[in-house]
Amino acid sequence: MTYEEAPACDRHETKVLMQLRTMHSDSSRPEVVVGLFECPECGHERRLPIRTSDAA
């Protein structure tokens, strides 16, 4: 995931990109990787699926 693909925090009027803190598998769907994102300004957290590719 690149910096441009990070989600924006919806608690700000201006665009503040969230930072990826951790990644883990979803316990109900182990094939899905979930990222925990945190806003560097207000600390708001959001969990979102992360697109992965098999090409390395």
C-alpha atoms as a PDB file:
ATOM      1  CA  MET A   1       0.000   0.000   0.000  1.00  0.00           C
ATOM      2  CA  THR A   2       1.414   3.339  -0.969  1.00  0.00           C
ATOM      3  CA  TYR A   3       1.044   6.606   0.909  1.00  0.00           C
ATOM      4  CA  GLU A   4      -1.466   7.839  -1.695  1.00  0.00           C
ATOM      5  CA  GLU A   5      -3.698   4.784  -1.084  1.00  0.00           C
ATOM      6  CA  ALA A   6      -4.015   5.414   2.668  1.00  0.00           C
ATOM      7  CA  PRO A   7      -7.537   6.434   3.741  1.00  0.00           C
ATOM      8  CA  ALA A   8      -8.263   9.993   4.818  1.00  0.00           C
ATOM      9  CA  CYS A   9      -9.558  10.642   8.327  1.00  0.00           C
ATOM     10  CA  ASP A  10     -13.201  11.681   8.102  1.00  0.00           C
ATOM     11  CA  ARG A  11     -12.968  13.810  11.266  1.00  0.00           C
ATOM     12  CA  HIS A  12     -11.134  16.687   9.529  1.00  0.00           C
ATOM     13  CA  GLU A  13     -12.299  19.231   6.955  1.00  0.00           C
ATOM     14  CA  THR A  14      -8.913  19.120   5.237  1.00  0.00           C
ATOM     15  CA  LYS A  15      -7.474  15.866   3.909  1.00  0.00           C
ATOM     16  CA  VAL A  16      -5.427  14.167   6.630  1.00  0.00           C
ATOM     17  CA  LEU A  17      -4.106  10.761   5.565  1.00  0.00           C
ATOM     18  CA  MET A  18      -4.172   8.015   8.154  1.00  0.00           C
ATOM     19  CA  GLN A  19      -1.112   5.866   8.894  1.00  0.00           C
ATOM     20  CA  LEU A  20      -1.046   2.086   8.861  1.00  0.00           C
ATOM     21  CA  ARG A  21      -0.314   0.743  12.362  1.00  0.00           C
ATOM     22  CA  THR A  22      -0.856  -3.023  12.128  1.00  0.00           C
ATOM     23  CA  MET A  23      -2.035  -5.690   9.696  1.00  0.00           C
ATOM     24  CA  HIS A  24      -3.696  -8.969  10.581  1.00  0.00           C
ATOM     25  CA  SER A  25      -5.925 -11.688   9.136  1.00  0.00           C
ATOM     26  CA  ASP A  26      -9.650 -11.478   9.768  1.00  0.00           C
ATOM     27  CA  SER A  27     -10.553 -14.342  12.135  1.00  0.00           C
ATOM     28  CA  SER A  28     -13.801 -15.046  10.275  1.00  0.00           C
ATOM     29  CA  ARG A  29     -12.137 -14.774   6.832  1.00  0.00           C
ATOM     30  CA  PRO A  30      -8.432 -15.723   7.083  1.00  0.00           C
ATOM     31  CA  GLU A  31      -7.815 -14.899   3.413  1.00  0.00           C
ATOM     32  CA  VAL A  32      -8.609 -11.216   4.077  1.00  0.00           C
ATOM     33  CA  VAL A  33      -5.892  -8.938   5.461  1.00  0.00           C
ATOM     34  CA  VAL A  34      -7.201  -6.087   7.620  1.00  0.00           C
ATOM     35  CA  GLY A  35      -5.212  -2.954   8.370  1.00  0.00           C
ATOM     36  CA  LEU A  36      -5.574  -0.813  11.467  1.00  0.00           C
ATOM     37  CA  PHE A  37      -5.127   2.819  10.447  1.00  0.00           C
ATOM     38  CA  GLU A  38      -4.645   5.728  12.847  1.00  0.00           C
ATOM     39  CA  CYS A  39      -4.942   9.463  12.248  1.00  0.00           C
ATOM     40  CA  PRO A  40      -1.671  11.207  13.200  1.00  0.00           C
ATOM     41  CA  GLU A  41      -3.547  14.350  14.273  1.00  0.00           C
ATOM     42  CA  CYS A  42      -6.485  13.110  16.371  1.00  0.00           C
ATOM     43  CA  GLY A  43      -5.742   9.425  17.006  1.00  0.00           C
ATOM     44  CA  HIS A  44      -8.986   8.184  15.391  1.00  0.00           C
ATOM     45  CA  GLU A  45      -8.645   4.518  14.354  1.00  0.00           C
ATOM     46  CA  ARG A  46     -10.240   2.644  11.470  1.00  0.00           C
ATOM     47  CA  ARG A  47      -9.983  -0.969  10.314  1.00  0.00           C
ATOM     48  CA  LEU A  48     -10.115  -1.549   6.569  1.00  0.00           C
ATOM     49  CA  PRO A  49      -9.392  -4.494   4.275  1.00  0.00           C
ATOM     50  CA  ILE A  50      -6.061  -4.181   2.483  1.00  0.00           C
ATOM     51  CA  ARG A  51      -5.664  -5.127  -1.141  1.00  0.00           C
ATOM     52  CA  THR A  52      -2.881  -7.648  -1.552  1.00  0.00           C
ATOM     53  CA  SER A  53      -1.370  -9.142  -4.676  1.00  0.00           C
ATOM     54  CA  ASP A  54       0.297 -12.479  -5.266  1.00  0.00           C
ATOM     55  CA  ALA A  55       2.981 -10.911  -7.438  1.00  0.00           C
ATOM     56  CA  ALA A  56       6.110 -10.320  -5.427  1.00  0.00           C
END
